């Protein structure tokens, strides 16, 4: 629910979103009262009754209302991404959600897929279904979405990572690299860490540095519950962390990436994305036989995450060669065993 703002007269006013007019302009309902609490109370009462009237609500109205209702509880970046999708609903925007058919959506999705990547198309459809579920929870559709493109990431080799670690040893960047590679921290989580987050050898991950709607870096709680986690840190990283008082990494996420890129060049390591260090963590955990449930818990993924399996658990060429050599040795051993087996 939008918050009240104080007027020059001393009264308080709340602007609650109502609908869009035929030209697409957003229309708001104004509530003014002597106190902030009273103005917000009046708006809340109207808002509750207004949202109960969903029989004639259009797709565009459902999307707009959903975004407004979620604005206070979702991150600025998520709201921004929602707003960037709004224009995509114009072809079906004037349709009422209680008369919307699967065939209508399928035509819209097929047209959308011609100009958007599969992931974008799925995200746009996901926001639509979330809005419809809020205002018409019993409505269900049967549509076919485009298949996702499977990305193939070229992970850095162990030798490349070691060369980079050797080059940066003794710096804050070395600490950031170790946290990403061996403990699967995101850059936003690394930049939010302070010495207060370390208790003995236990490091608590409970916040992240992100951009707000004004493009200012702020510290916020993580987007998902699974991002909250505690990790037991070992040496040599633990010793370095204990020497720090205050911010663990004295920069924002963009500055961290700038340092990382300069270090790659100086260490003469083939460039790779900093986030691939999280991929390396997940892949090595899979190769070591660690169950996905524990890998997800340590890395901040949701339990049963498909992203962990489909995106992060990649295999390097070196790993593939090593595994194939192991399988070949096993095959040769079995073949030799078959040859000498008594008749």
C-alpha atoms as a PDB file:
ATOM      1  CA  UNK A   1       0.000   0.000   0.000  1.00  0.00           C
ATOM      2  CA  UNK A   2       1.426   3.471  -0.878  1.00  0.00           C
ATOM      3  CA  UNK A   3       2.456   5.641   2.052  1.00  0.00           C
ATOM      4  CA  UNK A   4       1.026   9.054   2.863  1.00  0.00           C
ATOM      5  CA  UNK A   5       2.869  12.285   2.102  1.00  0.00           C
ATOM      6  CA  UNK A   6       2.508  15.511   4.041  1.00  0.00           C
ATOM      7  CA  UNK A   7       1.034  18.427   2.101  1.00  0.00           C
ATOM      8  CA  UNK A   8       2.077  22.101   2.527  1.00  0.00           C
ATOM      9  CA  UNK A   9      -1.255  22.650   4.301  1.00  0.00           C
ATOM     10  CA  UNK A  10      -0.245  20.168   7.010  1.00  0.00           C
ATOM     11  CA  UNK A  11      -2.714  17.495   5.922  1.00  0.00           C
ATOM     12  CA  UNK A  12      -1.661  14.044   4.723  1.00  0.00           C
ATOM     13  CA  UNK A  13      -2.508  12.529   1.337  1.00  0.00           C
ATOM     14  CA  UNK A  14      -2.354   9.016  -0.102  1.00  0.00           C
ATOM     15  CA  UNK A  15      -2.548   8.275  -3.828  1.00  0.00           C
ATOM     16  CA  UNK A  16      -3.854   4.740  -4.387  1.00  0.00           C
ATOM     17  CA  UNK A  17      -3.694   3.250  -7.850  1.00  0.00           C
ATOM     18  CA  UNK A  18      -7.125   2.644  -9.366  1.00  0.00           C
ATOM     19  CA  UNK A  19      -6.904   1.761 -13.075  1.00  0.00           C
ATOM     20  CA  UNK A  20      -5.769   2.870 -16.520  1.00  0.00           C
ATOM     21  CA  UNK A  21      -7.950   5.023 -18.758  1.00  0.00           C
ATOM     22  CA  UNK A  22      -8.520   4.112 -22.446  1.00  0.00           C
ATOM     23  CA  UNK A  23      -5.370   5.985 -23.453  1.00  0.00           C
ATOM     24  CA  UNK A  24      -3.266   3.961 -21.009  1.00  0.00           C
ATOM     25  CA  UNK A  25      -2.825   6.744 -18.426  1.00  0.00           C
ATOM     26  CA  UNK A  26      -2.623   5.566 -14.822  1.00  0.00           C
ATOM     27  CA  UNK A  27      -5.506   6.846 -12.680  1.00  0.00           C
ATOM     28  CA  UNK A  28      -5.147   7.263  -8.901  1.00  0.00           C
ATOM     29  CA  UNK A  29      -7.671   7.772  -6.085  1.00  0.00           C
ATOM     30  CA  UNK A  30      -6.719  10.498  -3.603  1.00  0.00           C
ATOM     31  CA  UNK A  31      -7.328  10.264   0.160  1.00  0.00           C
ATOM     32  CA  UNK A  32      -6.630  13.284   2.389  1.00  0.00           C
ATOM     33  CA  UNK A  33      -6.871  13.433   6.188  1.00  0.00           C
ATOM     34  CA  UNK A  34      -5.502  15.477   9.125  1.00  0.00           C
ATOM     35  CA  UNK A  35      -3.155  12.672  10.159  1.00  0.00           C
ATOM     36  CA  UNK A  36      -0.974  10.233   8.274  1.00  0.00           C
ATOM     37  CA  UNK A  37      -2.499   7.214   9.987  1.00  0.00           C
ATOM     38  CA  UNK A  38      -6.047   8.260   9.094  1.00  0.00           C
ATOM     39  CA  UNK A  39      -5.202   8.911   5.423  1.00  0.00           C
ATOM     40  CA  UNK A  40      -3.513   5.527   5.057  1.00  0.00           C
ATOM     41  CA  UNK A  41      -6.423   3.842   6.872  1.00  0.00           C
ATOM     42  CA  UNK A  42      -8.961   5.347   4.459  1.00  0.00           C
ATOM     43  CA  UNK A  43      -6.875   4.265   1.472  1.00  0.00           C
ATOM     44  CA  UNK A  44      -6.481   0.747   2.886  1.00  0.00           C
ATOM     45  CA  UNK A  45     -10.243   0.337   3.332  1.00  0.00           C
ATOM     46  CA  UNK A  46     -10.925   1.519  -0.216  1.00  0.00           C
ATOM     47  CA  UNK A  47      -8.093  -0.562  -1.610  1.00  0.00           C
ATOM     48  CA  UNK A  48      -9.378  -3.770   0.005  1.00  0.00           C
ATOM     49  CA  UNK A  49     -12.888  -3.256  -1.357  1.00  0.00           C
ATOM     50  CA  UNK A  50     -11.624  -2.114  -4.744  1.00  0.00           C
ATOM     51  CA  UNK A  51      -9.476  -5.206  -5.221  1.00  0.00           C
ATOM     52  CA  UNK A  52     -12.359  -7.500  -4.345  1.00  0.00           C
ATOM     53  CA  UNK A  53     -14.127  -6.347  -7.509  1.00  0.00           C
ATOM     54  CA  UNK A  54     -12.244  -8.511  -9.984  1.00  0.00           C
ATOM     55  CA  UNK A  55     -15.019  -9.618 -12.332  1.00  0.00           C
ATOM     56  CA  UNK A  56     -14.291  -6.814 -14.789  1.00  0.00           C
ATOM     57  CA  UNK A  57     -10.581  -6.303 -14.172  1.00  0.00           C
ATOM     58  CA  UNK A  58      -8.428  -6.243 -17.289  1.00  0.00           C
ATOM     59  CA  UNK A  59      -4.982  -7.758 -17.795  1.00  0.00           C
ATOM     60  CA  UNK A  60      -3.314  -4.332 -17.642  1.00  0.00           C
ATOM     61  CA  UNK A  61      -5.158  -3.444 -14.437  1.00  0.00           C
ATOM     62  CA  UNK A  62      -4.232  -6.770 -12.846  1.00  0.00           C
ATOM     63  CA  UNK A  63      -0.544  -6.269 -13.685  1.00  0.00           C
ATOM     64  CA  UNK A  64      -0.520  -2.686 -12.380  1.00  0.00           C
ATOM     65  CA  UNK A  65      -2.293  -3.566  -9.146  1.00  0.00           C
ATOM     66  CA  UNK A  66      -0.058  -6.558  -8.542  1.00  0.00           C
ATOM     67  CA  UNK A  67       3.089  -4.432  -8.902  1.00  0.00           C
ATOM     68  CA  UNK A  68       1.706  -1.746  -6.584  1.00  0.00           C
ATOM     69  CA  UNK A  69       0.753  -4.273  -3.908  1.00  0.00           C
ATOM     70  CA  UNK A  70       4.184  -5.922  -4.073  1.00  0.00           C
ATOM     71  CA  UNK A  71       6.211  -2.700  -4.181  1.00  0.00           C
ATOM     72  CA  UNK A  72       6.755  -2.547  -0.423  1.00  0.00           C
ATOM     73  CA  UNK A  73       7.918  -6.152  -0.038  1.00  0.00           C
ATOM     74  CA  UNK A  74      10.012  -6.810  -3.145  1.00  0.00           C
ATOM     75  CA  UNK A  75      13.454  -5.441  -3.953  1.00  0.00           C
ATOM     76  CA  UNK A  76      13.758  -2.289  -6.091  1.00  0.00           C
ATOM     77  CA  UNK A  77      15.495  -4.306  -8.806  1.00  0.00           C
ATOM     78  CA  UNK A  78      12.580  -6.777  -8.961  1.00  0.00           C
ATOM     79  CA  UNK A  79      10.003  -3.975  -9.179  1.00  0.00           C
ATOM     80  CA  UNK A  80      12.114  -2.307 -11.867  1.00  0.00           C
ATOM     81  CA  UNK A  81      12.177  -5.521 -13.897  1.00  0.00           C
ATOM     82  CA  UNK A  82       8.382  -5.835 -13.530  1.00  0.00           C
ATOM     83  CA  UNK A  83       7.853  -2.278 -14.771  1.00  0.00           C
ATOM     84  CA  UNK A  84      10.095  -2.928 -17.764  1.00  0.00           C
ATOM     85  CA  UNK A  85       7.723  -5.737 -18.829  1.00  0.00           C
ATOM     86  CA  UNK A  86       4.496  -3.702 -18.767  1.00  0.00           C
ATOM     87  CA  UNK A  87       4.483  -2.745 -22.469  1.00  0.00           C
ATOM     88  CA  UNK A  88       4.540  -6.420 -23.459  1.00  0.00           C
ATOM     89  CA  UNK A  89       0.963  -6.892 -22.237  1.00  0.00           C
ATOM     90  CA  UNK A  90      -0.567  -4.295 -24.593  1.00  0.00           C
ATOM     91  CA  UNK A  91      -1.875  -6.872 -27.129  1.00  0.00           C
ATOM     92  CA  UNK A  92      -3.981  -8.480 -24.368  1.00  0.00           C
ATOM     93  CA  UNK A  93      -4.098  -5.571 -21.934  1.00  0.00           C
ATOM     94  CA  UNK A  94      -7.730  -4.640 -22.530  1.00  0.00           C
ATOM     95  CA  UNK A  95      -8.989  -8.223 -22.145  1.00  0.00           C
ATOM     96  CA  UNK A  96     -10.804  -9.072 -18.897  1.00  0.00           C
ATOM     97  CA  UNK A  97      -9.059 -11.789 -16.919  1.00  0.00           C
ATOM     98  CA  UNK A  98     -12.358 -13.585 -16.240  1.00  0.00           C
ATOM     99  CA  UNK A  99     -12.922 -14.027 -19.987  1.00  0.00           C
ATOM    100  CA  UNK A 100      -9.311 -14.678 -20.980  1.00  0.00           C
ATOM    101  CA  UNK A 101      -8.823 -17.991 -22.823  1.00  0.00           C
ATOM    102  CA  UNK A 102      -5.814 -20.251 -23.238  1.00  0.00           C
ATOM    103  CA  UNK A 103      -5.998 -19.683 -26.992  1.00  0.00           C
ATOM    104  CA  UNK A 104      -5.721 -15.906 -26.455  1.00  0.00           C
ATOM    105  CA  UNK A 105      -2.596 -16.387 -24.373  1.00  0.00           C
ATOM    106  CA  UNK A 106      -1.059 -18.904 -26.771  1.00  0.00           C
ATOM    107  CA  UNK A 107      -1.328 -16.478 -29.704  1.00  0.00           C
ATOM    108  CA  UNK A 108       0.190 -13.725 -27.551  1.00  0.00           C
ATOM    109  CA  UNK A 109       3.008 -15.976 -26.322  1.00  0.00           C
ATOM    110  CA  UNK A 110       3.829 -17.182 -29.840  1.00  0.00           C
ATOM    111  CA  UNK A 111       4.062 -13.582 -31.088  1.00  0.00           C
ATOM    112  CA  UNK A 112       6.120 -12.588 -28.053  1.00  0.00           C
ATOM    113  CA  UNK A 113       8.575 -15.441 -28.652  1.00  0.00           C
ATOM    114  CA  UNK A 114       9.352 -14.070 -32.123  1.00  0.00           C
ATOM    115  CA  UNK A 115      11.047 -10.988 -30.637  1.00  0.00           C
ATOM    116  CA  UNK A 116      12.115 -12.172 -27.174  1.00  0.00           C
ATOM    117  CA  UNK A 117      14.444 -14.841 -25.887  1.00  0.00           C
ATOM    118  CA  UNK A 118      12.841 -17.899 -24.267  1.00  0.00           C
ATOM    119  CA  UNK A 119      13.817 -16.834 -20.748  1.00  0.00           C
ATOM    120  CA  UNK A 120      12.380 -13.324 -21.240  1.00  0.00           C
ATOM    121  CA  UNK A 121       9.160 -14.753 -22.661  1.00  0.00           C
ATOM    122  CA  UNK A 122       8.817 -17.070 -19.665  1.00  0.00           C
ATOM    123  CA  UNK A 123       9.489 -14.216 -17.204  1.00  0.00           C
ATOM    124  CA  UNK A 124       6.847 -12.018 -18.855  1.00  0.00           C
ATOM    125  CA  UNK A 125       4.317 -14.843 -18.725  1.00  0.00           C
ATOM    126  CA  UNK A 126       5.298 -15.556 -15.104  1.00  0.00           C
ATOM    127  CA  UNK A 127       4.410 -12.024 -14.002  1.00  0.00           C
ATOM    128  CA  UNK A 128       1.056 -12.302 -15.795  1.00  0.00           C
ATOM    129  CA  UNK A 129       0.122 -15.581 -14.114  1.00  0.00           C
ATOM    130  CA  UNK A 130       1.190 -14.230 -10.707  1.00  0.00           C
ATOM    131  CA  UNK A 131      -1.095 -11.216 -11.151  1.00  0.00           C
ATOM    132  CA  UNK A 132      -3.998 -13.352 -12.332  1.00  0.00           C
ATOM    133  CA  UNK A 133      -3.574 -15.759  -9.405  1.00  0.00           C
ATOM    134  CA  UNK A 134      -3.867 -12.815  -7.023  1.00  0.00           C
ATOM    135  CA  UNK A 135      -7.179 -11.549  -8.420  1.00  0.00           C
ATOM    136  CA  UNK A 136      -8.655 -14.725  -9.927  1.00  0.00           C
ATOM    137  CA  UNK A 137      -6.998 -17.625  -8.052  1.00  0.00           C
ATOM    138  CA  UNK A 138      -9.183 -20.322  -9.632  1.00  0.00           C
ATOM    139  CA  UNK A 139      -8.246 -19.353 -13.183  1.00  0.00           C
ATOM    140  CA  UNK A 140      -5.989 -21.844 -14.983  1.00  0.00           C
ATOM    141  CA  UNK A 141      -4.526 -21.855 -18.481  1.00  0.00           C
ATOM    142  CA  UNK A 142      -3.038 -24.497 -20.742  1.00  0.00           C
ATOM    143  CA  UNK A 143      -0.297 -22.962 -22.888  1.00  0.00           C
ATOM    144  CA  UNK A 144       3.057 -23.993 -24.313  1.00  0.00           C
ATOM    145  CA  UNK A 145       6.090 -21.850 -23.522  1.00  0.00           C
ATOM    146  CA  UNK A 146       9.321 -21.746 -25.552  1.00  0.00           C
ATOM    147  CA  UNK A 147      12.061 -24.130 -24.447  1.00  0.00           C
ATOM    148  CA  UNK A 148      14.928 -22.505 -22.565  1.00  0.00           C
ATOM    149  CA  UNK A 149      18.282 -22.318 -24.283  1.00  0.00           C
ATOM    150  CA  UNK A 150      20.801 -24.381 -22.355  1.00  0.00           C
ATOM    151  CA  UNK A 151      23.860 -22.233 -21.770  1.00  0.00           C
ATOM    152  CA  UNK A 152      27.282 -23.784 -21.791  1.00  0.00           C
ATOM    153  CA  UNK A 153      29.758 -22.019 -19.549  1.00  0.00           C
ATOM    154  CA  UNK A 154      33.470 -22.392 -19.983  1.00  0.00           C
ATOM    155  CA  UNK A 155      34.705 -22.589 -16.410  1.00  0.00           C
ATOM    156  CA  UNK A 156      38.155 -21.379 -15.428  1.00  0.00           C
ATOM    157  CA  UNK A 157      40.645 -24.161 -14.786  1.00  0.00           C
ATOM    158  CA  UNK A 158      42.061 -24.900 -11.346  1.00  0.00           C
ATOM    159  CA  UNK A 159      45.418 -23.695 -12.632  1.00  0.00           C
ATOM    160  CA  UNK A 160      43.949 -20.351 -13.747  1.00  0.00           C
ATOM    161  CA  UNK A 161      42.261 -19.802 -10.404  1.00  0.00           C
ATOM    162  CA  UNK A 162      45.431 -20.704  -8.505  1.00  0.00           C
ATOM    163  CA  UNK A 163      47.469 -18.282 -10.633  1.00  0.00           C
ATOM    164  CA  UNK A 164      44.968 -15.548  -9.841  1.00  0.00           C
ATOM    165  CA  UNK A 165      45.007 -16.364  -6.126  1.00  0.00           C
ATOM    166  CA  UNK A 166      48.812 -16.314  -6.075  1.00  0.00           C
ATOM    167  CA  UNK A 167      48.831 -12.924  -7.791  1.00  0.00           C
ATOM    168  CA  UNK A 168      46.301 -11.360  -5.375  1.00  0.00           C
ATOM    169  CA  UNK A 169      47.510 -12.972  -2.133  1.00  0.00           C
ATOM    170  CA  UNK A 170      47.627 -10.491   0.738  1.00  0.00           C
ATOM    171  CA  UNK A 171      44.900  -8.260  -0.722  1.00  0.00           C
ATOM    172  CA  UNK A 172      41.188  -7.847  -0.065  1.00  0.00           C
ATOM    173  CA  UNK A 173      40.553  -9.157  -3.579  1.00  0.00           C
ATOM    174  CA  UNK A 174      42.159 -12.468  -2.583  1.00  0.00           C
ATOM    175  CA  UNK A 175      39.637 -12.710   0.254  1.00  0.00           C
ATOM    176  CA  UNK A 176      36.771 -12.017  -2.167  1.00  0.00           C
ATOM    177  CA  UNK A 177      38.037 -14.679  -4.582  1.00  0.00           C
ATOM    178  CA  UNK A 178      38.338 -17.244  -1.794  1.00  0.00           C
ATOM    179  CA  UNK A 179      34.816 -16.482  -0.531  1.00  0.00           C
ATOM    180  CA  UNK A 180      33.385 -16.906  -4.030  1.00  0.00           C
ATOM    181  CA  UNK A 181      35.398 -19.969  -5.067  1.00  0.00           C
ATOM    182  CA  UNK A 182      35.360 -22.044  -1.882  1.00  0.00           C
ATOM    183  CA  UNK A 183      32.241 -20.742  -0.103  1.00  0.00           C
ATOM    184  CA  UNK A 184      30.026 -19.754  -3.056  1.00  0.00           C
ATOM    185  CA  UNK A 185      29.322 -16.172  -1.993  1.00  0.00           C
ATOM    186  CA  UNK A 186      27.818 -13.743  -4.487  1.00  0.00           C
ATOM    187  CA  UNK A 187      29.617 -10.444  -5.029  1.00  0.00           C
ATOM    188  CA  UNK A 188      26.694  -8.570  -3.438  1.00  0.00           C
ATOM    189  CA  UNK A 189      27.048 -10.752  -0.320  1.00  0.00           C
ATOM    190  CA  UNK A 190      30.834 -10.374  -0.203  1.00  0.00           C
ATOM    191  CA  UNK A 191      30.623  -6.574  -0.287  1.00  0.00           C
ATOM    192  CA  UNK A 192      28.086  -6.536   2.568  1.00  0.00           C
ATOM    193  CA  UNK A 193      30.239  -8.546   4.984  1.00  0.00           C
ATOM    194  CA  UNK A 194      31.773  -6.958   8.073  1.00  0.00           C
ATOM    195  CA  UNK A 195      33.894  -8.309  10.902  1.00  0.00           C
ATOM    196  CA  UNK A 196      30.702  -8.490  13.003  1.00  0.00           C
ATOM    197  CA  UNK A 197      29.478 -11.304  10.745  1.00  0.00           C
ATOM    198  CA  UNK A 198      32.338 -13.549  11.882  1.00  0.00           C
ATOM    199  CA  UNK A 199      31.896 -15.317  15.228  1.00  0.00           C
ATOM    200  CA  UNK A 200      34.771 -17.672  15.927  1.00  0.00           C
ATOM    201  CA  UNK A 201      35.020 -19.604  12.685  1.00  0.00           C
ATOM    202  CA  UNK A 202      31.344 -19.161  11.744  1.00  0.00           C
ATOM    203  CA  UNK A 203      30.511 -16.598   9.062  1.00  0.00           C
ATOM    204  CA  UNK A 204      26.864 -15.489   8.809  1.00  0.00           C
ATOM    205  CA  UNK A 205      25.478 -14.420   5.431  1.00  0.00           C
ATOM    206  CA  UNK A 206      22.449 -12.231   6.071  1.00  0.00           C
ATOM    207  CA  UNK A 207      22.641  -9.182   3.797  1.00  0.00           C
ATOM    208  CA  UNK A 208      23.686  -7.937   0.371  1.00  0.00           C
ATOM    209  CA  UNK A 209      24.779  -4.688  -1.274  1.00  0.00           C
ATOM    210  CA  UNK A 210      22.404  -3.764  -4.105  1.00  0.00           C
ATOM    211  CA  UNK A 211      21.373  -0.742  -6.166  1.00  0.00           C
ATOM    212  CA  UNK A 212      18.171   1.000  -5.103  1.00  0.00           C
ATOM    213  CA  UNK A 213      15.697   2.709  -7.436  1.00  0.00           C
ATOM    214  CA  UNK A 214      17.899   5.838  -7.412  1.00  0.00           C
ATOM    215  CA  UNK A 215      20.942   3.760  -8.422  1.00  0.00           C
ATOM    216  CA  UNK A 216      22.553   4.185  -5.015  1.00  0.00           C
ATOM    217  CA  UNK A 217      24.325   1.282  -3.299  1.00  0.00           C
ATOM    218  CA  UNK A 218      22.471   0.166  -0.188  1.00  0.00           C
ATOM    219  CA  UNK A 219      22.689  -2.796   2.206  1.00  0.00           C
ATOM    220  CA  UNK A 220      19.552  -4.936   2.218  1.00  0.00           C
ATOM    221  CA  UNK A 221      18.455  -8.329   3.399  1.00  0.00           C
ATOM    222  CA  UNK A 222      18.706 -11.064   0.749  1.00  0.00           C
ATOM    223  CA  UNK A 223      15.825 -11.607  -1.692  1.00  0.00           C
ATOM    224  CA  UNK A 224      15.209 -15.220  -0.673  1.00  0.00           C
ATOM    225  CA  UNK A 225      15.222 -17.122   2.617  1.00  0.00           C
ATOM    226  CA  UNK A 226      17.668 -19.656   1.191  1.00  0.00           C
ATOM    227  CA  UNK A 227      20.309 -16.915   0.904  1.00  0.00           C
ATOM    228  CA  UNK A 228      20.471 -16.722   4.709  1.00  0.00           C
ATOM    229  CA  UNK A 229      23.130 -19.189   5.815  1.00  0.00           C
ATOM    230  CA  UNK A 230      26.069 -19.799   8.127  1.00  0.00           C
ATOM    231  CA  UNK A 231      29.384 -21.185   6.943  1.00  0.00           C
ATOM    232  CA  UNK A 232      32.311 -22.642   8.845  1.00  0.00           C
ATOM    233  CA  UNK A 233      35.469 -20.962   7.564  1.00  0.00           C
ATOM    234  CA  UNK A 234      38.844 -22.667   7.604  1.00  0.00           C
ATOM    235  CA  UNK A 235      42.432 -21.518   7.197  1.00  0.00           C
ATOM    236  CA  UNK A 236      44.092 -19.806   5.445  1.00  0.00           C
ATOM    237  CA  UNK A 237      41.027 -17.614   4.845  1.00  0.00           C
ATOM    238  CA  UNK A 238      39.950 -17.601   8.493  1.00  0.00           C
ATOM    239  CA  UNK A 239      43.267 -16.089   9.631  1.00  0.00           C
ATOM    240  CA  UNK A 240      42.942 -13.259   7.113  1.00  0.00           C
ATOM    241  CA  UNK A 241      39.328 -12.528   8.062  1.00  0.00           C
ATOM    242  CA  UNK A 242      40.205 -12.289  11.745  1.00  0.00           C
ATOM    243  CA  UNK A 243      42.698  -9.512  11.006  1.00  0.00           C
ATOM    244  CA  UNK A 244      39.988  -7.216   9.649  1.00  0.00           C
ATOM    245  CA  UNK A 245      37.947  -4.770  11.717  1.00  0.00           C
ATOM    246  CA  UNK A 246      34.970  -3.341   9.848  1.00  0.00           C
ATOM    247  CA  UNK A 247      34.082  -3.968   6.216  1.00  0.00           C
ATOM    248  CA  UNK A 248      35.621  -7.164   4.838  1.00  0.00           C
ATOM    249  CA  UNK A 249      35.771  -5.760   1.292  1.00  0.00           C
ATOM    250  CA  UNK A 250      36.070  -1.996   1.160  1.00  0.00           C
ATOM    251  CA  UNK A 251      34.171  -1.407  -2.099  1.00  0.00           C
ATOM    252  CA  UNK A 252      30.844  -1.891  -3.864  1.00  0.00           C
ATOM    253  CA  UNK A 253      30.122  -4.801  -6.262  1.00  0.00           C
ATOM    254  CA  UNK A 254      30.984  -2.862  -9.424  1.00  0.00           C
ATOM    255  CA  UNK A 255      34.314  -1.712  -7.983  1.00  0.00           C
ATOM    256  CA  UNK A 256      35.044  -5.297  -6.960  1.00  0.00           C
ATOM    257  CA  UNK A 257      34.561  -6.455 -10.548  1.00  0.00           C
ATOM    258  CA  UNK A 258      36.879  -3.686 -11.784  1.00  0.00           C
ATOM    259  CA  UNK A 259      39.603  -4.927  -9.424  1.00  0.00           C
ATOM    260  CA  UNK A 260      38.955  -8.489 -10.525  1.00  0.00           C
ATOM    261  CA  UNK A 261      39.343  -7.661 -14.219  1.00  0.00           C
ATOM    262  CA  UNK A 262      42.571  -5.766 -13.629  1.00  0.00           C
ATOM    263  CA  UNK A 263      43.934  -8.710 -11.649  1.00  0.00           C
ATOM    264  CA  UNK A 264      43.047 -11.151 -14.447  1.00  0.00           C
ATOM    265  CA  UNK A 265      45.011  -9.054 -16.898  1.00  0.00           C
ATOM    266  CA  UNK A 266      47.969  -8.606 -14.572  1.00  0.00           C
ATOM    267  CA  UNK A 267      48.089 -12.325 -13.753  1.00  0.00           C
ATOM    268  CA  UNK A 268      47.805 -13.175 -17.472  1.00  0.00           C
ATOM    269  CA  UNK A 269      44.747 -15.342 -16.878  1.00  0.00           C
ATOM    270  CA  UNK A 270      42.203 -15.767 -19.663  1.00  0.00           C
ATOM    271  CA  UNK A 271      39.236 -13.499 -18.761  1.00  0.00           C
ATOM    272  CA  UNK A 272      36.207 -15.093 -17.137  1.00  0.00           C
ATOM    273  CA  UNK A 273      33.143 -13.865 -15.272  1.00  0.00           C
ATOM    274  CA  UNK A 274      33.520 -13.468 -11.487  1.00  0.00           C
ATOM    275  CA  UNK A 275      30.188 -15.246 -10.996  1.00  0.00           C
ATOM    276  CA  UNK A 276      31.663 -18.390 -12.580  1.00  0.00           C
ATOM    277  CA  UNK A 277      33.480 -18.969  -9.308  1.00  0.00           C
ATOM    278  CA  UNK A 278      30.057 -19.946  -7.898  1.00  0.00           C
ATOM    279  CA  UNK A 279      29.682 -22.339 -10.821  1.00  0.00           C
ATOM    280  CA  UNK A 280      33.084 -23.779  -9.939  1.00  0.00           C
ATOM    281  CA  UNK A 281      31.971 -24.327  -6.336  1.00  0.00           C
ATOM    282  CA  UNK A 282      28.795 -26.158  -7.415  1.00  0.00           C
ATOM    283  CA  UNK A 283      30.597 -28.260 -10.026  1.00  0.00           C
ATOM    284  CA  UNK A 284      33.350 -29.338  -7.662  1.00  0.00           C
ATOM    285  CA  UNK A 285      30.773 -30.228  -5.015  1.00  0.00           C
ATOM    286  CA  UNK A 286      28.982 -32.457  -7.550  1.00  0.00           C
ATOM    287  CA  UNK A 287      32.254 -34.119  -8.606  1.00  0.00           C
ATOM    288  CA  UNK A 288      33.081 -34.737  -4.944  1.00  0.00           C
ATOM    289  CA  UNK A 289      29.782 -36.566  -4.517  1.00  0.00           C
ATOM    290  CA  UNK A 290      28.220 -34.038  -2.143  1.00  0.00           C
ATOM    291  CA  UNK A 291      24.398 -34.357  -2.289  1.00  0.00           C
ATOM    292  CA  UNK A 292      22.618 -31.440  -3.980  1.00  0.00           C
ATOM    293  CA  UNK A 293      20.644 -30.744  -0.798  1.00  0.00           C
ATOM    294  CA  UNK A 294      23.828 -29.802   1.078  1.00  0.00           C
ATOM    295  CA  UNK A 295      25.340 -27.931  -1.880  1.00  0.00           C
ATOM    296  CA  UNK A 296      22.169 -25.838  -2.159  1.00  0.00           C
ATOM    297  CA  UNK A 297      22.209 -25.091   1.567  1.00  0.00           C
ATOM    298  CA  UNK A 298      25.862 -23.999   1.532  1.00  0.00           C
ATOM    299  CA  UNK A 299      25.582 -21.943  -1.645  1.00  0.00           C
ATOM    300  CA  UNK A 300      22.308 -20.175  -0.918  1.00  0.00           C
ATOM    301  CA  UNK A 301      20.168 -21.959  -3.522  1.00  0.00           C
ATOM    302  CA  UNK A 302      16.623 -23.116  -2.827  1.00  0.00           C
ATOM    303  CA  UNK A 303      16.285 -26.808  -1.893  1.00  0.00           C
ATOM    304  CA  UNK A 304      15.694 -28.775  -5.086  1.00  0.00           C
ATOM    305  CA  UNK A 305      16.817 -25.827  -7.193  1.00  0.00           C
ATOM    306  CA  UNK A 306      16.743 -26.602 -10.915  1.00  0.00           C
ATOM    307  CA  UNK A 307      19.128 -23.690 -11.479  1.00  0.00           C
ATOM    308  CA  UNK A 308      21.764 -25.483  -9.394  1.00  0.00           C
ATOM    309  CA  UNK A 309      21.575 -28.565 -11.604  1.00  0.00           C
ATOM    310  CA  UNK A 310      20.963 -26.969 -14.979  1.00  0.00           C
ATOM    311  CA  UNK A 311      23.160 -23.878 -14.744  1.00  0.00           C
ATOM    312  CA  UNK A 312      25.758 -24.107 -11.984  1.00  0.00           C
ATOM    313  CA  UNK A 313      26.857 -27.722 -12.055  1.00  0.00           C
ATOM    314  CA  UNK A 314      29.066 -27.501 -15.138  1.00  0.00           C
ATOM    315  CA  UNK A 315      32.031 -29.700 -15.961  1.00  0.00           C
ATOM    316  CA  UNK A 316      35.369 -28.368 -17.189  1.00  0.00           C
ATOM    317  CA  UNK A 317      37.264 -30.013 -20.028  1.00  0.00           C
ATOM    318  CA  UNK A 318      39.917 -31.100 -17.503  1.00  0.00           C
ATOM    319  CA  UNK A 319      37.271 -32.708 -15.281  1.00  0.00           C
ATOM    320  CA  UNK A 320      35.742 -34.474 -18.269  1.00  0.00           C
ATOM    321  CA  UNK A 321      39.121 -35.871 -19.343  1.00  0.00           C
ATOM    322  CA  UNK A 322      39.881 -37.051 -15.804  1.00  0.00           C
ATOM    323  CA  UNK A 323      36.493 -38.737 -15.428  1.00  0.00           C
ATOM    324  CA  UNK A 324      36.742 -40.442 -18.815  1.00  0.00           C
ATOM    325  CA  UNK A 325      40.229 -41.711 -17.938  1.00  0.00           C
ATOM    326  CA  UNK A 326      38.814 -43.136 -14.717  1.00  0.00           C
ATOM    327  CA  UNK A 327      35.949 -44.823 -16.590  1.00  0.00           C
ATOM    328  CA  UNK A 328      38.352 -46.224 -19.187  1.00  0.00           C
ATOM    329  CA  UNK A 329      40.523 -47.705 -16.443  1.00  0.00           C
ATOM    330  CA  UNK A 330      37.444 -49.292 -14.913  1.00  0.00           C
ATOM    331  CA  UNK A 331      36.417 -50.707 -18.298  1.00  0.00           C
ATOM    332  CA  UNK A 332      39.901 -52.154 -18.919  1.00  0.00           C
ATOM    333  CA  UNK A 333      39.932 -53.711 -15.470  1.00  0.00           C
ATOM    334  CA  UNK A 334      36.548 -55.347 -16.064  1.00  0.00           C
ATOM    335  CA  UNK A 335      37.566 -56.590 -19.514  1.00  0.00           C
ATOM    336  CA  UNK A 336      40.747 -58.153 -18.129  1.00  0.00           C
ATOM    337  CA  UNK A 337      38.729 -59.714 -15.339  1.00  0.00           C
ATOM    338  CA  UNK A 338      36.359 -61.242 -17.873  1.00  0.00           C
ATOM    339  CA  UNK A 339      39.302 -62.736 -19.790  1.00  0.00           C
ATOM    340  CA  UNK A 340      40.710 -64.593 -16.810  1.00  0.00           C
ATOM    341  CA  UNK A 341      37.380 -65.663 -15.342  1.00  0.00           C
ATOM    342  CA  UNK A 342      37.334 -69.489 -14.971  1.00  0.00           C
ATOM    343  CA  UNK A 343      35.258 -71.396 -17.551  1.00  0.00           C
END
